[in-house]
Amino acid sequence: MPESGKSVNKPKTCTVGEPGKLYTVRLYDGFDYNWVDIESDVPYEEARRIWEENTEGGTCKTRFDDIDYYDIFEADTKMLYSDYAAGVR
């Protein structure tokens, strides 16, 4: 299982969640440089279903190069924000 704070899903990788743990599906907004929670505190199966719906089965919006992309994280993962991401320039 990945270390806390690490992404659970990577493109073309089918990672199985750990029983009893909860997950959060997030969208990375490449225009604003921040993460948006799409769904929080759900079992892995539900998180994976939501991720697959939003990525057309994992065929798009799964990589940083896609600008906006979705990923699954353990529910207790905290995201760090920089001044740049917050619009302080």
C-alpha atoms as a PDB file:
ATOM      1  CA  MET A   1       0.000   0.000   0.000  1.00  0.00           C
ATOM      2  CA  PRO A   2       1.323   3.482  -0.738  1.00  0.00           C
ATOM      3  CA  GLU A   3       2.713   5.745   1.952  1.00  0.00           C
ATOM      4  CA  SER A   4       0.293   8.338   3.283  1.00  0.00           C
ATOM      5  CA  GLY A   5       0.144  11.343   0.984  1.00  0.00           C
ATOM      6  CA  LYS A   6       0.955   9.319  -2.098  1.00  0.00           C
ATOM      7  CA  SER A   7      -1.491   8.973  -4.923  1.00  0.00           C
ATOM      8  CA  VAL A   8      -3.271   5.618  -4.993  1.00  0.00           C
ATOM      9  CA  ASN A   9      -4.028   5.632  -8.719  1.00  0.00           C
ATOM     10  CA  LYS A  10      -1.534   6.038 -11.505  1.00  0.00           C
ATOM     11  CA  PRO A  11      -2.424   5.824 -15.197  1.00  0.00           C
ATOM     12  CA  LYS A  12      -2.579   2.266 -16.495  1.00  0.00           C
ATOM     13  CA  THR A  13      -2.218   0.858 -12.965  1.00  0.00           C
ATOM     14  CA  CYS A  14      -5.042  -0.962 -11.260  1.00  0.00           C
ATOM     15  CA  THR A  15      -4.317  -0.567  -7.560  1.00  0.00           C
ATOM     16  CA  VAL A  16      -6.662  -2.264  -5.134  1.00  0.00           C
ATOM     17  CA  GLY A  17      -7.630  -0.295  -2.038  1.00  0.00           C
ATOM     18  CA  GLU A  18      -7.074  -1.572   1.457  1.00  0.00           C
ATOM     19  CA  PRO A  19     -10.190  -2.977   3.200  1.00  0.00           C
ATOM     20  CA  GLY A  20     -11.612  -0.644   5.823  1.00  0.00           C
ATOM     21  CA  LYS A  21      -9.793   2.443   4.507  1.00  0.00           C
ATOM     22  CA  LEU A  22     -11.570   5.401   2.978  1.00  0.00           C
ATOM     23  CA  TYR A  23     -10.501   7.357  -0.086  1.00  0.00           C
ATOM     24  CA  THR A  24     -10.994  10.745  -1.731  1.00  0.00           C
ATOM     25  CA  VAL A  25     -11.327  11.388  -5.462  1.00  0.00           C
ATOM     26  CA  ARG A  26      -9.739  14.697  -6.446  1.00  0.00           C
ATOM     27  CA  LEU A  27      -9.569  16.773  -9.596  1.00  0.00           C
ATOM     28  CA  TYR A  28      -6.384  18.740 -10.239  1.00  0.00           C
ATOM     29  CA  ASP A  29      -7.319  22.064 -11.794  1.00  0.00           C
ATOM     30  CA  GLY A  30      -4.360  22.866 -14.010  1.00  0.00           C
ATOM     31  CA  PHE A  31      -5.529  26.432 -14.612  1.00  0.00           C
ATOM     32  CA  ASP A  32      -5.727  27.369 -10.916  1.00  0.00           C
ATOM     33  CA  TYR A  33      -3.031  24.913  -9.777  1.00  0.00           C
ATOM     34  CA  ASN A  34      -5.046  23.306  -7.005  1.00  0.00           C
ATOM     35  CA  TRP A  35      -6.898  20.153  -6.048  1.00  0.00           C
ATOM     36  CA  VAL A  36     -10.681  19.988  -5.723  1.00  0.00           C
ATOM     37  CA  ASP A  37     -12.331  17.183  -3.765  1.00  0.00           C
ATOM     38  CA  ILE A  38     -14.924  15.449  -5.938  1.00  0.00           C
ATOM     39  CA  GLU A  39     -15.958  12.798  -3.395  1.00  0.00           C
ATOM     40  CA  SER A  40     -14.561  12.161   0.082  1.00  0.00           C
ATOM     41  CA  ASP A  41     -14.533   9.330   2.596  1.00  0.00           C
ATOM     42  CA  VAL A  42     -15.707   6.530   0.326  1.00  0.00           C
ATOM     43  CA  PRO A  43     -14.543   2.901   0.043  1.00  0.00           C
ATOM     44  CA  TYR A  44     -12.024   2.229  -2.721  1.00  0.00           C
ATOM     45  CA  GLU A  45     -14.575   0.535  -4.978  1.00  0.00           C
ATOM     46  CA  GLU A  46     -16.750   3.675  -4.963  1.00  0.00           C
ATOM     47  CA  ALA A  47     -13.727   5.943  -5.458  1.00  0.00           C
ATOM     48  CA  ARG A  48     -12.580   3.829  -8.393  1.00  0.00           C
ATOM     49  CA  ARG A  49     -16.088   3.921  -9.949  1.00  0.00           C
ATOM     50  CA  ILE A  50     -16.177   7.736  -9.699  1.00  0.00           C
ATOM     51  CA  TRP A  51     -12.632   7.996 -11.079  1.00  0.00           C
ATOM     52  CA  GLU A  52     -13.510   5.735 -14.026  1.00  0.00           C
ATOM     53  CA  GLU A  53     -16.686   7.732 -14.791  1.00  0.00           C
ATOM     54  CA  ASN A  54     -14.720  10.971 -14.922  1.00  0.00           C
ATOM     55  CA  THR A  55     -11.793   9.572 -16.923  1.00  0.00           C
ATOM     56  CA  GLU A  56     -13.785   7.557 -19.470  1.00  0.00           C
ATOM     57  CA  GLY A  57     -12.509   4.318 -18.005  1.00  0.00           C
ATOM     58  CA  GLY A  58      -9.017   5.676 -17.398  1.00  0.00           C
ATOM     59  CA  THR A  59      -8.486   6.765 -21.015  1.00  0.00           C
ATOM     60  CA  CYS A  60      -8.307  10.537 -20.424  1.00  0.00           C
ATOM     61  CA  LYS A  61      -7.715  13.099 -17.668  1.00  0.00           C
ATOM     62  CA  THR A  62      -5.372  10.791 -15.752  1.00  0.00           C
ATOM     63  CA  ARG A  63      -2.009  12.571 -16.141  1.00  0.00           C
ATOM     64  CA  PHE A  64      -0.525  15.954 -15.312  1.00  0.00           C
ATOM     65  CA  ASP A  65      -0.022  16.484 -19.048  1.00  0.00           C
ATOM     66  CA  ASP A  66      -3.815  16.493 -19.429  1.00  0.00           C
ATOM     67  CA  ILE A  67      -3.851  19.795 -17.460  1.00  0.00           C
ATOM     68  CA  ASP A  68      -7.005  18.859 -15.522  1.00  0.00           C
ATOM     69  CA  TYR A  69      -6.834  15.320 -14.184  1.00  0.00           C
ATOM     70  CA  TYR A  70      -8.382  13.022 -11.573  1.00  0.00           C
ATOM     71  CA  ASP A  71      -6.675  10.918  -8.945  1.00  0.00           C
ATOM     72  CA  ILE A  72      -7.501   8.864  -5.849  1.00  0.00           C
ATOM     73  CA  PHE A  73      -5.895   9.496  -2.475  1.00  0.00           C
ATOM     74  CA  GLU A  74      -6.236   7.979   0.956  1.00  0.00           C
ATOM     75  CA  ALA A  75      -8.908  10.045   2.740  1.00  0.00           C
ATOM     76  CA  ASP A  76      -6.544  11.470   5.357  1.00  0.00           C
ATOM     77  CA  THR A  77      -4.119  12.869   2.747  1.00  0.00           C
ATOM     78  CA  LYS A  78      -3.568  16.597   3.198  1.00  0.00           C
ATOM     79  CA  MET A  79      -2.658  18.642   0.149  1.00  0.00           C
ATOM     80  CA  LEU A  80      -0.004  21.361   0.414  1.00  0.00           C
ATOM     81  CA  TYR A  81      -0.475  24.699  -1.298  1.00  0.00           C
ATOM     82  CA  SER A  82       2.229  27.138  -2.296  1.00  0.00           C
ATOM     83  CA  ASP A  83       1.976  30.899  -2.688  1.00  0.00           C
ATOM     84  CA  TYR A  84       2.182  30.326  -6.440  1.00  0.00           C
ATOM     85  CA  ALA A  85      -0.812  27.986  -6.376  1.00  0.00           C
ATOM     86  CA  ALA A  86      -2.721  30.484  -4.236  1.00  0.00           C
ATOM     87  CA  GLY A  87      -2.173  33.212  -6.819  1.00  0.00           C
ATOM     88  CA  VAL A  88       0.467  35.135  -4.877  1.00  0.00           C
ATOM     89  CA  ARG A  89       3.002  36.189  -7.470  1.00  0.00           C
END
